[in-house]
Amino acid sequence: MARTNYSFEKRQKELAKKKKQEEKLQQKLEKKKKTDDGREDAAAETEVLPSE
């Protein structure tokens, strides 16, 4: 009977955890970018309105 390779399982678990963290970070960055873009657009529109 084959023995379980715990080192391999641990490495795979670590890789999955790292991948999940990176995806989460990307989502946060995209969300922040969208929020920042929205603020810039709103600020630009507010600046245009008083000058009209």
PDB file of N, CA and C in Angstrom:
ATOM      1  N   MET A   1       0.839  -1.181   0.000  1.00  0.00           N
ATOM      2  CA  MET A   1       0.000   0.000   0.000  1.00  0.00           C
ATOM      3  C   MET A   1       0.890   1.253   0.000  1.00  0.00           C
ATOM      4  N   ALA A   2       0.514   2.232  -0.781  1.00  0.00           N
ATOM      5  CA  ALA A   2       1.301   3.457  -0.900  1.00  0.00           C
ATOM      6  C   ALA A   2       1.102   4.347   0.321  1.00  0.00           C
ATOM      7  N   ARG A   3       2.191   5.020   0.687  1.00  0.00           N
ATOM      8  CA  ARG A   3       2.117   5.941   1.828  1.00  0.00           C
ATOM      9  C   ARG A   3       1.704   7.332   1.344  1.00  0.00           C
ATOM     10  N   THR A   4       1.065   8.060   2.213  1.00  0.00           N
ATOM     11  CA  THR A   4       0.632   9.415   1.890  1.00  0.00           C
ATOM     12  C   THR A   4       1.842  10.352   1.936  1.00  0.00           C
ATOM     13  N   ASN A   5       1.952  11.191   0.924  1.00  0.00           N
ATOM     14  CA  ASN A   5       3.048  12.160   0.864  1.00  0.00           C
ATOM     15  C   ASN A   5       2.546  13.482   1.437  1.00  0.00           C
ATOM     16  N   TYR A   6       2.752  13.660   2.726  1.00  0.00           N
ATOM     17  CA  TYR A   6       2.240  14.850   3.400  1.00  0.00           C
ATOM     18  C   TYR A   6       2.914  16.130   2.930  1.00  0.00           C
ATOM     19  N   SER A   7       4.160  16.043   2.530  1.00  0.00           N
ATOM     20  CA  SER A   7       4.866  17.231   2.027  1.00  0.00           C
ATOM     21  C   SER A   7       4.189  17.755   0.771  1.00  0.00           C
ATOM     22  N   PHE A   8       3.795  16.849  -0.118  1.00  0.00           N
ATOM     23  CA  PHE A   8       3.122  17.245  -1.347  1.00  0.00           C
ATOM     24  C   PHE A   8       1.779  17.898  -1.031  1.00  0.00           C
ATOM     25  N   GLU A   9       1.019  17.276  -0.125  1.00  0.00           N
ATOM     26  CA  GLU A   9      -0.285  17.822   0.246  1.00  0.00           C
ATOM     27  C   GLU A   9      -0.141  19.204   0.874  1.00  0.00           C
ATOM     28  N   LYS A  10       0.867  19.356   1.734  1.00  0.00           N
ATOM     29  CA  LYS A  10       1.095  20.642   2.389  1.00  0.00           C
ATOM     30  C   LYS A  10       1.446  21.706   1.346  1.00  0.00           C
ATOM     31  N   ARG A  11       2.298  21.353   0.405  1.00  0.00           N
ATOM     32  CA  ARG A  11       2.702  22.300  -0.646  1.00  0.00           C
ATOM     33  C   ARG A  11       1.505  22.711  -1.494  1.00  0.00           C
ATOM     34  N   GLN A  12       0.668  21.754  -1.846  1.00  0.00           N
ATOM     35  CA  GLN A  12      -0.514  22.057  -2.648  1.00  0.00           C
ATOM     36  C   GLN A  12      -1.471  22.972  -1.888  1.00  0.00           C
ATOM     37  N   LYS A  13      -1.607  22.714  -0.601  1.00  0.00           N
ATOM     38  CA  LYS A  13      -2.477  23.543   0.226  1.00  0.00           C
ATOM     39  C   LYS A  13      -1.927  24.974   0.306  1.00  0.00           C
ATOM     40  N   GLU A  14      -0.609  25.098   0.473  1.00  0.00           N
ATOM     41  CA  GLU A  14       0.017  26.421   0.523  1.00  0.00           C
ATOM     42  C   GLU A  14      -0.153  27.165  -0.800  1.00  0.00           C
ATOM     43  N   LEU A  15       0.005  26.465  -1.909  1.00  0.00           N
ATOM     44  CA  LEU A  15      -0.160  27.088  -3.226  1.00  0.00           C
ATOM     45  C   LEU A  15      -1.594  27.563  -3.425  1.00  0.00           C
ATOM     46  N   ALA A  16      -2.548  26.754  -3.001  1.00  0.00           N
ATOM     47  CA  ALA A  16      -3.955  27.135  -3.132  1.00  0.00           C
ATOM     48  C   ALA A  16      -4.256  28.358  -2.277  1.00  0.00           C
ATOM     49  N   LYS A  17      -3.705  28.390  -1.081  1.00  0.00           N
ATOM     50  CA  LYS A  17      -3.919  29.522  -0.173  1.00  0.00           C
ATOM     51  C   LYS A  17      -3.318  30.796  -0.762  1.00  0.00           C
ATOM     52  N   LYS A  18      -2.110  30.678  -1.313  1.00  0.00           N
ATOM     53  CA  LYS A  18      -1.435  31.832  -1.912  1.00  0.00           C
ATOM     54  C   LYS A  18      -2.222  32.349  -3.117  1.00  0.00           C
ATOM     55  N   LYS A  19      -2.717  31.434  -3.939  1.00  0.00           N
ATOM     56  CA  LYS A  19      -3.496  31.821  -5.118  1.00  0.00           C
ATOM     57  C   LYS A  19      -4.766  32.554  -4.698  1.00  0.00           C
ATOM     58  N   LYS A  20      -5.425  32.047  -3.669  1.00  0.00           N
ATOM     59  CA  LYS A  20      -6.653  32.664  -3.178  1.00  0.00           C
ATOM     60  C   LYS A  20      -6.367  34.068  -2.646  1.00  0.00           C
ATOM     61  N   GLN A  21      -5.261  34.247  -1.930  1.00  0.00           N
ATOM     62  CA  GLN A  21      -4.891  35.561  -1.407  1.00  0.00           C
ATOM     63  C   GLN A  21      -4.610  36.545  -2.542  1.00  0.00           C
ATOM     64  N   GLU A  22      -3.919  36.083  -3.581  1.00  0.00           N
ATOM     65  CA  GLU A  22      -3.616  36.942  -4.723  1.00  0.00           C
ATOM     66  C   GLU A  22      -4.899  37.363  -5.445  1.00  0.00           C
ATOM     67  N   GLU A  23      -5.830  36.436  -5.606  1.00  0.00           N
ATOM     68  CA  GLU A  23      -7.105  36.763  -6.249  1.00  0.00           C
ATOM     69  C   GLU A  23      -7.871  37.796  -5.415  1.00  0.00           C
ATOM     70  N   LYS A  24      -7.843  37.625  -4.115  1.00  0.00           N
ATOM     71  CA  LYS A  24      -8.521  38.553  -3.219  1.00  0.00           C
ATOM     72  C   LYS A  24      -7.895  39.944  -3.331  1.00  0.00           C
ATOM     73  N   LEU A  25      -6.566  39.997  -3.385  1.00  0.00           N
ATOM     74  CA  LEU A  25      -5.869  41.265  -3.521  1.00  0.00           C
ATOM     75  C   LEU A  25      -6.231  41.943  -4.841  1.00  0.00           C
ATOM     76  N   GLN A  26      -6.289  41.174  -5.933  1.00  0.00           N
ATOM     77  CA  GLN A  26      -6.655  41.718  -7.231  1.00  0.00           C
ATOM     78  C   GLN A  26      -8.065  42.299  -7.192  1.00  0.00           C
ATOM     79  N   GLN A  27      -8.982  41.590  -6.535  1.00  0.00           N
ATOM     80  CA  GLN A  27     -10.353  42.082  -6.435  1.00  0.00           C
ATOM     81  C   GLN A  27     -10.405  43.385  -5.655  1.00  0.00           C
ATOM     82  N   LYS A  28      -9.629  43.474  -4.582  1.00  0.00           N
ATOM     83  CA  LYS A  28      -9.601  44.696  -3.786  1.00  0.00           C
ATOM     84  C   LYS A  28      -9.039  45.851  -4.607  1.00  0.00           C
ATOM     85  N   LEU A  29      -7.974  45.589  -5.367  1.00  0.00           N
ATOM     86  CA  LEU A  29      -7.372  46.629  -6.189  1.00  0.00           C
ATOM     87  C   LEU A  29      -8.335  47.108  -7.271  1.00  0.00           C
ATOM     88  N   GLU A  30      -9.049  46.167  -7.900  1.00  0.00           N
ATOM     89  CA  GLU A  30     -10.025  46.538  -8.933  1.00  0.00           C
ATOM     90  C   GLU A  30     -11.159  47.357  -8.328  1.00  0.00           C
ATOM     91  N   LYS A  31     -11.614  46.953  -7.158  1.00  0.00           N
ATOM     92  CA  LYS A  31     -12.699  47.675  -6.490  1.00  0.00           C
ATOM     93  C   LYS A  31     -12.241  49.088  -6.128  1.00  0.00           C
ATOM     94  N   LYS A  32     -11.019  49.193  -5.629  1.00  0.00           N
ATOM     95  CA  LYS A  32     -10.483  50.504  -5.260  1.00  0.00           C
ATOM     96  C   LYS A  32     -10.316  51.377  -6.499  1.00  0.00           C
ATOM     97  N   LYS A  33      -9.853  50.777  -7.584  1.00  0.00           N
ATOM     98  CA  LYS A  33      -9.660  51.529  -8.819  1.00  0.00           C
ATOM     99  C   LYS A  33     -10.997  52.057  -9.338  1.00  0.00           C
ATOM    100  N   LYS A  34     -12.021  51.225  -9.307  1.00  0.00           N
ATOM    101  CA  LYS A  34     -13.346  51.658  -9.756  1.00  0.00           C
ATOM    102  C   LYS A  34     -13.859  52.790  -8.873  1.00  0.00           C
ATOM    103  N   THR A  35     -13.645  52.672  -7.580  1.00  0.00           N
ATOM    104  CA  THR A  35     -14.082  53.710  -6.643  1.00  0.00           C
ATOM    105  C   THR A  35     -13.325  55.004  -6.902  1.00  0.00           C
ATOM    106  N   ASP A  36     -12.026  54.917  -7.113  1.00  0.00           N
ATOM    107  CA  ASP A  36     -11.223  56.107  -7.392  1.00  0.00           C
ATOM    108  C   ASP A  36     -11.637  56.750  -8.709  1.00  0.00           C
ATOM    109  N   ASP A  37     -11.909  55.934  -9.723  1.00  0.00           N
ATOM    110  CA  ASP A  37     -12.339  56.468 -11.015  1.00  0.00           C
ATOM    111  C   ASP A  37     -13.663  57.203 -10.860  1.00  0.00           C
ATOM    112  N   GLY A  38     -14.565  56.651 -10.105  1.00  0.00           N
ATOM    113  CA  GLY A  38     -15.863  57.274  -9.868  1.00  0.00           C
ATOM    114  C   GLY A  38     -15.715  58.608  -9.167  1.00  0.00           C
ATOM    115  N   ARG A  39     -14.813  58.691  -8.222  1.00  0.00           N
ATOM    116  CA  ARG A  39     -14.587  59.942  -7.494  1.00  0.00           C
ATOM    117  C   ARG A  39     -14.015  61.006  -8.409  1.00  0.00           C
ATOM    118  N   GLU A  40     -13.088  60.609  -9.270  1.00  0.00           N
ATOM    119  CA  GLU A  40     -12.485  61.572 -10.194  1.00  0.00           C
ATOM    120  C   GLU A  40     -13.536  62.116 -11.154  1.00  0.00           C
ATOM    121  N   ASP A  41     -14.411  61.228 -11.657  1.00  0.00           N
ATOM    122  CA  ASP A  41     -15.467  61.659 -12.566  1.00  0.00           C
ATOM    123  C   ASP A  41     -16.423  62.620 -11.857  1.00  0.00           C
ATOM    124  N   ALA A  42     -16.787  62.288 -10.643  1.00  0.00           N
ATOM    125  CA  ALA A  42     -17.711  63.138  -9.885  1.00  0.00           C
ATOM    126  C   ALA A  42     -17.065  64.481  -9.590  1.00  0.00           C
ATOM    127  N   ALA A  43     -15.786  64.474  -9.265  1.00  0.00           N
ATOM    128  CA  ALA A  43     -15.077  65.717  -8.974  1.00  0.00           C
ATOM    129  C   ALA A  43     -14.987  66.573 -10.232  1.00  0.00           C
ATOM    130  N   ALA A  44     -14.732  65.947 -11.363  1.00  0.00           N
ATOM    131  CA  ALA A  44     -14.637  66.697 -12.619  1.00  0.00           C
ATOM    132  C   ALA A  44     -15.992  67.320 -12.973  1.00  0.00           C
ATOM    133  N   GLU A  45     -17.055  66.584 -12.763  1.00  0.00           N
ATOM    134  CA  GLU A  45     -18.390  67.109 -13.066  1.00  0.00           C
ATOM    135  C   GLU A  45     -18.745  68.264 -12.139  1.00  0.00           C
ATOM    136  N   THR A  46     -18.354  68.162 -10.883  1.00  0.00           N
ATOM    137  CA  THR A  46     -18.663  69.241  -9.947  1.00  0.00           C
ATOM    138  C   THR A  46     -17.884  70.484 -10.292  1.00  0.00           C
ATOM    139  N   GLU A  47     -16.670  70.330 -10.772  1.00  0.00           N
ATOM    140  CA  GLU A  47     -15.873  71.497 -11.139  1.00  0.00           C
ATOM    141  C   GLU A  47     -16.448  72.181 -12.369  1.00  0.00           C
ATOM    142  N   VAL A  48     -17.030  71.432 -13.274  1.00  0.00           N
ATOM    143  CA  VAL A  48     -17.581  71.990 -14.505  1.00  0.00           C
ATOM    144  C   VAL A  48     -18.862  72.768 -14.206  1.00  0.00           C
ATOM    145  N   LEU A  49     -19.700  72.272 -13.334  1.00  0.00           N
ATOM    146  CA  LEU A  49     -20.981  72.902 -13.058  1.00  0.00           C
ATOM    147  C   LEU A  49     -20.877  74.358 -12.590  1.00  0.00           C
ATOM    148  N   PRO A  50     -20.038  74.722 -11.635  1.00  0.00           N
ATOM    149  CA  PRO A  50     -19.978  76.123 -11.195  1.00  0.00           C
ATOM    150  C   PRO A  50     -19.489  77.076 -12.283  1.00  0.00           C
ATOM    151  N   SER A  51     -18.658  76.613 -13.205  1.00  0.00           N
ATOM    152  CA  SER A  51     -18.119  77.507 -14.226  1.00  0.00           C
ATOM    153  C   SER A  51     -19.127  77.768 -15.339  1.00  0.00           C
ATOM    154  N   GLU A  52     -20.209  77.001 -15.420  1.00  0.00           N
ATOM    155  CA  GLU A  52     -21.186  77.195 -16.489  1.00  0.00           C
ATOM    156  C   GLU A  52     -22.053  78.359 -16.244  1.00  0.00           C
TER     157      GLU A  52
END
